[in-house]
PDB file of all heavy atoms in Angstrom:
ATOM      1  N   TYR A   1       9.162 -19.005   3.789  1.00  0.00           N
ATOM      2  CA  TYR A   1       7.984 -19.730   3.302  1.00  0.00           C
ATOM      3  C   TYR A   1       6.878 -19.728   4.349  1.00  0.00           C
ATOM      4  O   TYR A   1       5.698 -19.535   4.032  1.00  0.00           O
ATOM      5  CB  TYR A   1       8.356 -21.163   2.938  1.00  0.00           C
ATOM      6  CG  TYR A   1       9.153 -21.323   1.661  1.00  0.00           C
ATOM      7  CD1 TYR A   1       9.969 -22.440   1.466  1.00  0.00           C
ATOM      8  CD2 TYR A   1       9.083 -20.384   0.633  1.00  0.00           C
ATOM      9  CE1 TYR A   1      10.698 -22.596   0.283  1.00  0.00           C
ATOM     10  CE2 TYR A   1       9.798 -20.534  -0.533  1.00  0.00           C
ATOM     11  CZ  TYR A   1      10.608 -21.641  -0.704  1.00  0.00           C
ATOM     12  OH  TYR A   1      11.312 -21.802  -1.862  1.00  0.00           O
ATOM     13  N   ASP A   2       7.240 -19.950   5.616  1.00  0.00           N
ATOM     14  CA  ASP A   2       6.243 -19.925   6.695  1.00  0.00           C
ATOM     15  C   ASP A   2       5.590 -18.546   6.791  1.00  0.00           C
ATOM     16  O   ASP A   2       4.379 -18.431   7.026  1.00  0.00           O
ATOM     17  CB  ASP A   2       6.901 -20.272   8.034  1.00  0.00           C
ATOM     18  CG  ASP A   2       7.306 -21.732   8.132  1.00  0.00           C
ATOM     19  OD1 ASP A   2       6.776 -22.558   7.361  1.00  0.00           O
ATOM     20  OD2 ASP A   2       8.166 -22.048   8.981  1.00  0.00           O
ATOM     21  N   PHE A   3       6.385 -17.508   6.611  1.00  0.00           N
ATOM     22  CA  PHE A   3       5.874 -16.139   6.659  1.00  0.00           C
ATOM     23  C   PHE A   3       4.878 -15.894   5.533  1.00  0.00           C
ATOM     24  O   PHE A   3       3.829 -15.263   5.735  1.00  0.00           O
ATOM     25  CB  PHE A   3       7.048 -15.154   6.556  1.00  0.00           C
ATOM     26  CG  PHE A   3       6.642 -13.708   6.570  1.00  0.00           C
ATOM     27  CD1 PHE A   3       6.391 -13.052   7.760  1.00  0.00           C
ATOM     28  CD2 PHE A   3       6.525 -12.994   5.383  1.00  0.00           C
ATOM     29  CE1 PHE A   3       6.027 -11.712   7.769  1.00  0.00           C
ATOM     30  CE2 PHE A   3       6.159 -11.661   5.378  1.00  0.00           C
ATOM     31  CZ  PHE A   3       5.909 -11.013   6.583  1.00  0.00           C
ATOM     32  N   ILE A   4       5.185 -16.398   4.339  1.00  0.00           N
ATOM     33  CA  ILE A   4       4.283 -16.237   3.190  1.00  0.00           C
ATOM     34  C   ILE A   4       2.935 -16.883   3.480  1.00  0.00           C
ATOM     35  O   ILE A   4       1.876 -16.280   3.252  1.00  0.00           O
ATOM     36  CB  ILE A   4       4.914 -16.841   1.921  1.00  0.00           C
ATOM     37  CG1 ILE A   4       6.100 -15.992   1.464  1.00  0.00           C
ATOM     38  CG2 ILE A   4       3.882 -16.965   0.798  1.00  0.00           C
ATOM     39  CD1 ILE A   4       6.916 -16.617   0.345  1.00  0.00           C
ATOM     40  N   LEU A   5       2.954 -18.110   3.992  1.00  0.00           N
ATOM     41  CA  LEU A   5       1.696 -18.803   4.304  1.00  0.00           C
ATOM     42  C   LEU A   5       0.912 -18.060   5.384  1.00  0.00           C
ATOM     43  O   LEU A   5      -0.320 -17.974   5.314  1.00  0.00           O
ATOM     44  CB  LEU A   5       1.984 -20.232   4.757  1.00  0.00           C
ATOM     45  CG  LEU A   5       2.399 -21.227   3.681  1.00  0.00           C
ATOM     46  CD1 LEU A   5       2.706 -22.587   4.306  1.00  0.00           C
ATOM     47  CD2 LEU A   5       1.302 -21.374   2.624  1.00  0.00           C
ATOM     48  N   LYS A   6       1.624 -17.522   6.355  1.00  0.00           N
ATOM     49  CA  LYS A   6       0.948 -16.803   7.435  1.00  0.00           C
ATOM     50  C   LYS A   6       0.296 -15.529   6.908  1.00  0.00           C
ATOM     51  O   LYS A   6      -0.848 -15.218   7.255  1.00  0.00           O
ATOM     52  CB  LYS A   6       1.949 -16.476   8.540  1.00  0.00           C
ATOM     53  CG  LYS A   6       1.307 -16.052   9.846  1.00  0.00           C
ATOM     54  CD  LYS A   6       2.332 -16.023  10.976  1.00  0.00           C
ATOM     55  CE  LYS A   6       1.643 -15.802  12.314  1.00  0.00           C
ATOM     56  NZ  LYS A   6       2.627 -15.800  13.427  1.00  0.00           N
ATOM     57  N   CYS A   7       1.003 -14.792   6.060  1.00  0.00           N
ATOM     58  CA  CYS A   7       0.421 -13.583   5.461  1.00  0.00           C
ATOM     59  C   CYS A   7      -0.790 -13.933   4.603  1.00  0.00           C
ATOM     60  O   CYS A   7      -1.796 -13.225   4.606  1.00  0.00           O
ATOM     61  CB  CYS A   7       1.469 -12.856   4.614  1.00  0.00           C
ATOM     62  SG  CYS A   7       2.738 -12.005   5.558  1.00  0.00           S
ATOM     63  N   HIS A   8      -0.674 -15.023   3.858  1.00  0.00           N
ATOM     64  CA  HIS A   8      -1.781 -15.476   2.998  1.00  0.00           C
ATOM     65  C   HIS A   8      -3.025 -15.745   3.841  1.00  0.00           C
ATOM     66  O   HIS A   8      -4.138 -15.328   3.486  1.00  0.00           O
ATOM     67  CB  HIS A   8      -1.345 -16.741   2.261  1.00  0.00           C
ATOM     68  CG  HIS A   8      -2.315 -17.219   1.240  1.00  0.00           C
ATOM     69  ND1 HIS A   8      -2.459 -16.628   0.002  1.00  0.00           N
ATOM     70  CD2 HIS A   8      -3.204 -18.249   1.250  1.00  0.00           C
ATOM     71  CE1 HIS A   8      -3.373 -17.266  -0.695  1.00  0.00           C
ATOM     72  NE2 HIS A   8      -3.846 -18.248   0.041  1.00  0.00           N
ATOM     73  N   PHE A   9      -2.832 -16.415   4.968  1.00  0.00           N
ATOM     74  CA  PHE A   9      -3.952 -16.722   5.863  1.00  0.00           C
ATOM     75  C   PHE A   9      -4.565 -15.442   6.420  1.00  0.00           C
ATOM     76  O   PHE A   9      -5.791 -15.254   6.385  1.00  0.00           O
ATOM     77  CB  PHE A   9      -3.476 -17.614   7.010  1.00  0.00           C
ATOM     78  CG  PHE A   9      -4.486 -17.778   8.107  1.00  0.00           C
ATOM     79  CD1 PHE A   9      -5.488 -18.730   8.015  1.00  0.00           C
ATOM     80  CD2 PHE A   9      -4.447 -16.971   9.242  1.00  0.00           C
ATOM     81  CE1 PHE A   9      -6.435 -18.880   9.022  1.00  0.00           C
ATOM     82  CE2 PHE A   9      -5.383 -17.115  10.256  1.00  0.00           C
ATOM     83  CZ  PHE A   9      -6.379 -18.069  10.143  1.00  0.00           C
ATOM     84  N   PHE A  10      -3.734 -14.537   6.929  1.00  0.00           N
ATOM     85  CA  PHE A  10      -4.274 -13.348   7.596  1.00  0.00           C
ATOM     86  C   PHE A  10      -4.902 -12.372   6.610  1.00  0.00           C
ATOM     87  O   PHE A  10      -5.839 -11.655   6.973  1.00  0.00           O
ATOM     88  CB  PHE A  10      -3.201 -12.686   8.463  1.00  0.00           C
ATOM     89  CG  PHE A  10      -3.077 -13.334   9.801  1.00  0.00           C
ATOM     90  CD1 PHE A  10      -2.111 -14.309  10.023  1.00  0.00           C
ATOM     91  CD2 PHE A  10      -3.949 -13.024  10.823  1.00  0.00           C
ATOM     92  CE1 PHE A  10      -2.015 -14.939  11.254  1.00  0.00           C
ATOM     93  CE2 PHE A  10      -3.866 -13.652  12.057  1.00  0.00           C
ATOM     94  CZ  PHE A  10      -2.892 -14.616  12.272  1.00  0.00           C
ATOM     95  N   TYR A  11      -4.412 -12.339   5.398  1.00  0.00           N
ATOM     96  CA  TYR A  11      -5.083 -11.528   4.378  1.00  0.00           C
ATOM     97  C   TYR A  11      -6.531 -11.988   4.213  1.00  0.00           C
ATOM     98  O   TYR A  11      -7.464 -11.181   4.246  1.00  0.00           O
ATOM     99  CB  TYR A  11      -4.348 -11.622   3.045  1.00  0.00           C
ATOM    100  CG  TYR A  11      -5.155 -11.080   1.891  1.00  0.00           C
ATOM    101  CD1 TYR A  11      -5.244  -9.713   1.663  1.00  0.00           C
ATOM    102  CD2 TYR A  11      -5.868 -11.937   1.040  1.00  0.00           C
ATOM    103  CE1 TYR A  11      -6.017  -9.204   0.615  1.00  0.00           C
ATOM    104  CE2 TYR A  11      -6.630 -11.438  -0.004  1.00  0.00           C
ATOM    105  CZ  TYR A  11      -6.694 -10.077  -0.211  1.00  0.00           C
ATOM    106  OH  TYR A  11      -7.468  -9.593  -1.241  1.00  0.00           O
ATOM    107  N   HIS A  12      -6.724 -13.284   4.027  1.00  0.00           N
ATOM    108  CA  HIS A  12      -8.078 -13.809   3.817  1.00  0.00           C
ATOM    109  C   HIS A  12      -8.923 -13.735   5.088  1.00  0.00           C
ATOM    110  O   HIS A  12     -10.144 -13.547   5.014  1.00  0.00           O
ATOM    111  CB  HIS A  12      -8.013 -15.244   3.298  1.00  0.00           C
ATOM    112  CG  HIS A  12      -7.535 -15.330   1.885  1.00  0.00           C
ATOM    113  ND1 HIS A  12      -8.265 -14.837   0.822  1.00  0.00           N
ATOM    114  CD2 HIS A  12      -6.401 -15.836   1.346  1.00  0.00           C
ATOM    115  CE1 HIS A  12      -7.600 -15.040  -0.298  1.00  0.00           C
ATOM    116  NE2 HIS A  12      -6.473 -15.636  -0.007  1.00  0.00           N
ATOM    117  N   LEU A  13      -8.294 -13.868   6.241  1.00  0.00           N
ATOM    118  CA  LEU A  13      -9.015 -13.728   7.504  1.00  0.00           C
ATOM    119  C   LEU A  13      -9.592 -12.319   7.624  1.00  0.00           C
ATOM    120  O   LEU A  13     -10.779 -12.137   7.932  1.00  0.00           O
ATOM    121  CB  LEU A  13      -8.071 -14.012   8.672  1.00  0.00           C
ATOM    122  CG  LEU A  13      -8.697 -13.914  10.061  1.00  0.00           C
ATOM    123  CD1 LEU A  13      -9.589 -15.117  10.333  1.00  0.00           C
ATOM    124  CD2 LEU A  13      -7.611 -13.810  11.135  1.00  0.00           C
ATOM    125  N   ILE A  14      -8.765 -11.311   7.373  1.00  0.00           N
ATOM    126  CA  ILE A  14      -9.226  -9.924   7.480  1.00  0.00           C
ATOM    127  C   ILE A  14     -10.256  -9.613   6.399  1.00  0.00           C
ATOM    128  O   ILE A  14     -11.222  -8.882   6.634  1.00  0.00           O
ATOM    129  CB  ILE A  14      -8.027  -8.960   7.394  1.00  0.00           C
ATOM    130  CG1 ILE A  14      -7.061  -9.214   8.552  1.00  0.00           C
ATOM    131  CG2 ILE A  14      -8.498  -7.501   7.420  1.00  0.00           C
ATOM    132  CD1 ILE A  14      -5.710  -8.548   8.388  1.00  0.00           C
ATOM    133  N   GLN A  15     -10.072 -10.172   5.225  1.00  0.00           N
ATOM    134  CA  GLN A  15     -11.039  -9.963   4.143  1.00  0.00           C
ATOM    135  C   GLN A  15     -12.418 -10.479   4.541  1.00  0.00           C
ATOM    136  O   GLN A  15     -13.431  -9.794   4.354  1.00  0.00           O
ATOM    137  CB  GLN A  15     -10.555 -10.661   2.874  1.00  0.00           C
ATOM    138  CG  GLN A  15     -11.463 -10.430   1.669  1.00  0.00           C
ATOM    139  CD  GLN A  15     -10.922 -11.097   0.426  1.00  0.00           C
ATOM    140  OE1 GLN A  15     -10.775 -12.320   0.395  1.00  0.00           O
ATOM    141  NE2 GLN A  15     -10.614 -10.314  -0.593  1.00  0.00           N
ATOM    142  N   ASN A  16     -12.468 -11.661   5.095  1.00  0.00           N
ATOM    143  CA  ASN A  16     -13.754 -12.222   5.512  1.00  0.00           C
ATOM    144  C   ASN A  16     -14.335 -11.462   6.700  1.00  0.00           C
ATOM    145  O   ASN A  16     -15.559 -11.302   6.798  1.00  0.00           O
ATOM    146  CB  ASN A  16     -13.593 -13.706   5.843  1.00  0.00           C
ATOM    147  CG  ASN A  16     -13.636 -14.579   4.605  1.00  0.00           C
ATOM    148  OD1 ASN A  16     -14.695 -14.943   4.113  1.00  0.00           O
ATOM    149  ND2 ASN A  16     -12.462 -14.912   4.081  1.00  0.00           N
ATOM    150  N   PHE A  17     -13.477 -11.004   7.603  1.00  0.00           N
ATOM    151  CA  PHE A  17     -13.939 -10.167   8.714  1.00  0.00           C
ATOM    152  C   PHE A  17     -14.612  -8.911   8.181  1.00  0.00           C
ATOM    153  O   PHE A  17     -15.694  -8.519   8.642  1.00  0.00           O
ATOM    154  CB  PHE A  17     -12.755  -9.811   9.612  1.00  0.00           C
ATOM    155  CG  PHE A  17     -13.080  -8.848  10.709  1.00  0.00           C
ATOM    156  CD1 PHE A  17     -13.972  -9.187  11.712  1.00  0.00           C
ATOM    157  CD2 PHE A  17     -12.489  -7.588  10.740  1.00  0.00           C
ATOM    158  CE1 PHE A  17     -14.273  -8.293  12.743  1.00  0.00           C
ATOM    159  CE2 PHE A  17     -12.774  -6.693  11.757  1.00  0.00           C
ATOM    160  CZ  PHE A  17     -13.673  -7.052  12.761  1.00  0.00           C
ATOM    161  N   LEU A  18     -13.984  -8.292   7.186  1.00  0.00           N
ATOM    162  CA  LEU A  18     -14.563  -7.096   6.564  1.00  0.00           C
ATOM    163  C   LEU A  18     -15.909  -7.399   5.951  1.00  0.00           C
ATOM    164  O   LEU A  18     -16.863  -6.627   6.098  1.00  0.00           O
ATOM    165  CB  LEU A  18     -13.596  -6.547   5.510  1.00  0.00           C
ATOM    166  CG  LEU A  18     -14.101  -5.385   4.640  1.00  0.00           C
ATOM    167  CD1 LEU A  18     -14.539  -4.202   5.503  1.00  0.00           C
ATOM    168  CD2 LEU A  18     -13.019  -4.958   3.657  1.00  0.00           C
ATOM    169  N   TRP A  19     -16.007  -8.521   5.261  1.00  0.00           N
ATOM    170  CA  TRP A  19     -17.282  -8.891   4.640  1.00  0.00           C
ATOM    171  C   TRP A  19     -18.373  -9.122   5.685  1.00  0.00           C
ATOM    172  O   TRP A  19     -19.533  -8.762   5.480  1.00  0.00           O
ATOM    173  CB  TRP A  19     -17.101 -10.140   3.792  1.00  0.00           C
ATOM    174  CG  TRP A  19     -16.352  -9.885   2.517  1.00  0.00           C
ATOM    175  CD1 TRP A  19     -16.092  -8.688   1.937  1.00  0.00           C
ATOM    176  CD2 TRP A  19     -15.758 -10.870   1.657  1.00  0.00           C
ATOM    177  NE1 TRP A  19     -15.372  -8.840   0.775  1.00  0.00           N
ATOM    178  CE2 TRP A  19     -15.157 -10.168   0.577  1.00  0.00           C
ATOM    179  CE3 TRP A  19     -15.664 -12.250   1.696  1.00  0.00           C
ATOM    180  CZ2 TRP A  19     -14.489 -10.828  -0.454  1.00  0.00           C
ATOM    181  CZ3 TRP A  19     -14.989 -12.908   0.674  1.00  0.00           C
ATOM    182  CH2 TRP A  19     -14.409 -12.194  -0.394  1.00  0.00           C
ATOM    183  N   VAL A  20     -18.002  -9.708   6.820  1.00  0.00           N
ATOM    184  CA  VAL A  20     -18.982  -9.970   7.876  1.00  0.00           C
ATOM    185  C   VAL A  20     -19.487  -8.670   8.477  1.00  0.00           C
ATOM    186  O   VAL A  20     -20.701  -8.436   8.587  1.00  0.00           O
ATOM    187  CB  VAL A  20     -18.369 -10.869   8.978  1.00  0.00           C
ATOM    188  CG1 VAL A  20     -19.277 -10.892  10.220  1.00  0.00           C
ATOM    189  CG2 VAL A  20     -18.176 -12.291   8.457  1.00  0.00           C
ATOM    190  N   ILE A  21     -18.581  -7.794   8.897  1.00  0.00           N
ATOM    191  CA  ILE A  21     -19.015  -6.597   9.624  1.00  0.00           C
ATOM    192  C   ILE A  21     -19.658  -5.558   8.706  1.00  0.00           C
ATOM    193  O   ILE A  21     -20.430  -4.714   9.170  1.00  0.00           O
ATOM    194  CB  ILE A  21     -17.849  -5.959  10.404  1.00  0.00           C
ATOM    195  CG1 ILE A  21     -16.784  -5.392   9.462  1.00  0.00           C
ATOM    196  CG2 ILE A  21     -17.245  -6.952  11.376  1.00  0.00           C
ATOM    197  CD1 ILE A  21     -15.678  -4.643  10.192  1.00  0.00           C
ATOM    198  N   SER A  22     -19.355  -5.631   7.421  1.00  0.00           N
ATOM    199  CA  SER A  22     -19.945  -4.661   6.488  1.00  0.00           C
ATOM    200  C   SER A  22     -21.250  -5.162   5.873  1.00  0.00           C
ATOM    201  O   SER A  22     -21.895  -4.432   5.117  1.00  0.00           O
ATOM    202  CB  SER A  22     -18.945  -4.335   5.371  1.00  0.00           C
ATOM    203  OG  SER A  22     -18.689  -5.482   4.577  1.00  0.00           O
ATOM    204  N   GLY A  23     -21.640  -6.409   6.194  1.00  0.00           N
ATOM    205  CA  GLY A  23     -22.856  -6.961   5.608  1.00  0.00           C
ATOM    206  C   GLY A  23     -22.736  -7.165   4.117  1.00  0.00           C
ATOM    207  O   GLY A  23     -23.700  -6.982   3.369  1.00  0.00           O
ATOM    208  N   SER A  24     -21.561  -7.555   3.661  1.00  0.00           N
ATOM    209  CA  SER A  24     -21.327  -7.748   2.226  1.00  0.00           C
ATOM    210  C   SER A  24     -22.279  -8.791   1.651  1.00  0.00           C
ATOM    211  O   SER A  24     -22.571  -9.808   2.293  1.00  0.00           O
ATOM    212  CB  SER A  24     -19.876  -8.202   1.992  1.00  0.00           C
ATOM    213  OG  SER A  24     -19.690  -8.630   0.657  1.00  0.00           O
ATOM    214  N   PRO A  25     -22.774  -8.559   0.437  1.00  0.00           N
ATOM    215  CA  PRO A  25     -23.665  -9.537  -0.201  1.00  0.00           C
ATOM    216  C   PRO A  25     -22.937 -10.778  -0.693  1.00  0.00           C
ATOM    217  O   PRO A  25     -23.566 -11.719  -1.163  1.00  0.00           O
ATOM    218  CB  PRO A  25     -24.241  -8.744  -1.389  1.00  0.00           C
ATOM    219  CG  PRO A  25     -23.192  -7.736  -1.709  1.00  0.00           C
ATOM    220  CD  PRO A  25     -22.580  -7.355  -0.377  1.00  0.00           C
ATOM    221  N   LYS A  26     -21.584 -10.781  -0.601  1.00  0.00           N
ATOM    222  CA  LYS A  26     -20.829 -11.938  -1.053  1.00  0.00           C
ATOM    223  C   LYS A  26     -21.210 -13.171  -0.238  1.00  0.00           C
ATOM    224  O   LYS A  26     -21.457 -13.090   0.969  1.00  0.00           O
ATOM    225  CB  LYS A  26     -19.324 -11.692  -0.939  1.00  0.00           C
ATOM    226  CG  LYS A  26     -18.801 -10.650  -1.915  1.00  0.00           C
ATOM    227  CD  LYS A  26     -17.298 -10.499  -1.790  1.00  0.00           C
ATOM    228  CE  LYS A  26     -16.766  -9.468  -2.765  1.00  0.00           C
ATOM    229  NZ  LYS A  26     -16.878  -9.925  -4.160  1.00  0.00           N
ATOM    230  N   LYS A  27     -21.258 -14.304  -0.894  1.00  0.00           N
ATOM    231  CA  LYS A  27     -21.581 -15.556  -0.222  1.00  0.00           C
ATOM    232  C   LYS A  27     -20.359 -16.039   0.537  1.00  0.00           C
ATOM    233  O   LYS A  27     -19.332 -16.364  -0.057  1.00  0.00           O
ATOM    234  CB  LYS A  27     -22.027 -16.606  -1.231  1.00  0.00           C
ATOM    235  CG  LYS A  27     -22.491 -17.914  -0.582  1.00  0.00           C
ATOM    236  CD  LYS A  27     -22.967 -18.909  -1.632  1.00  0.00           C
ATOM    237  CE  LYS A  27     -23.441 -20.199  -0.960  1.00  0.00           C
ATOM    238  NZ  LYS A  27     -23.895 -21.193  -1.968  1.00  0.00           N
ATOM    239  N   ILE A  28     -20.451 -16.068   1.859  1.00  0.00           N
ATOM    240  CA  ILE A  28     -19.326 -16.504   2.670  1.00  0.00           C
ATOM    241  C   ILE A  28     -19.724 -17.735   3.479  1.00  0.00           C
ATOM    242  O   ILE A  28     -20.902 -18.060   3.628  1.00  0.00           O
ATOM    243  CB  ILE A  28     -18.837 -15.387   3.610  1.00  0.00           C
ATOM    244  CG1 ILE A  28     -19.955 -14.951   4.560  1.00  0.00           C
ATOM    245  CG2 ILE A  28     -18.323 -14.203   2.805  1.00  0.00           C
ATOM    246  CD1 ILE A  28     -19.507 -13.926   5.584  1.00  0.00           C
ATOM    247  N   HIS A  29     -18.735 -18.394   4.018  1.00  0.00           N
ATOM    248  CA  HIS A  29     -18.966 -19.599   4.793  1.00  0.00           C
ATOM    249  C   HIS A  29     -19.815 -19.275   6.019  1.00  0.00           C
ATOM    250  O   HIS A  29     -19.649 -18.227   6.660  1.00  0.00           O
ATOM    251  CB  HIS A  29     -17.618 -20.198   5.218  1.00  0.00           C
ATOM    252  CG  HIS A  29     -17.708 -21.608   5.708  1.00  0.00           C
ATOM    253  ND1 HIS A  29     -18.213 -21.937   6.943  1.00  0.00           N
ATOM    254  CD2 HIS A  29     -17.366 -22.783   5.111  1.00  0.00           C
ATOM    255  CE1 HIS A  29     -18.158 -23.249   7.112  1.00  0.00           C
ATOM    256  NE2 HIS A  29     -17.647 -23.792   6.010  1.00  0.00           N
ATOM    257  N   GLU A  30     -20.705 -20.190   6.369  1.00  0.00           N
ATOM    258  CA  GLU A  30     -21.652 -19.954   7.465  1.00  0.00           C
ATOM    259  C   GLU A  30     -20.963 -19.791   8.821  1.00  0.00           C
ATOM    260  O   GLU A  30     -21.552 -19.234   9.761  1.00  0.00           O
ATOM    261  CB  GLU A  30     -22.638 -21.117   7.548  1.00  0.00           C
ATOM    262  CG  GLU A  30     -21.983 -22.469   7.796  1.00  0.00           C
ATOM    263  CD  GLU A  30     -22.965 -23.621   7.755  1.00  0.00           C
ATOM    264  OE1 GLU A  30     -24.124 -23.391   7.367  1.00  0.00           O
ATOM    265  OE2 GLU A  30     -22.569 -24.739   8.103  1.00  0.00           O
ATOM    266  N   LEU A  31     -19.722 -20.239   8.944  1.00  0.00           N
ATOM    267  CA  LEU A  31     -19.032 -20.141  10.225  1.00  0.00           C
ATOM    268  C   LEU A  31     -18.407 -18.770  10.479  1.00  0.00           C
ATOM    269  O   LEU A  31     -18.012 -18.462  11.602  1.00  0.00           O
ATOM    270  CB  LEU A  31     -17.916 -21.196  10.304  1.00  0.00           C
ATOM    271  CG  LEU A  31     -18.355 -22.656  10.443  1.00  0.00           C
ATOM    272  CD1 LEU A  31     -17.130 -23.571  10.446  1.00  0.00           C
ATOM    273  CD2 LEU A  31     -19.168 -22.859  11.720  1.00  0.00           C
TER     274      LEU A  31
END
């Protein structure tokens, strides 16, 4: 269960990283 939560977090972390560095038009959190 801990592994599932950790994977869930890192999936979304990398997704947002991709959106930041690619200049995605998606609305993301200001932080």
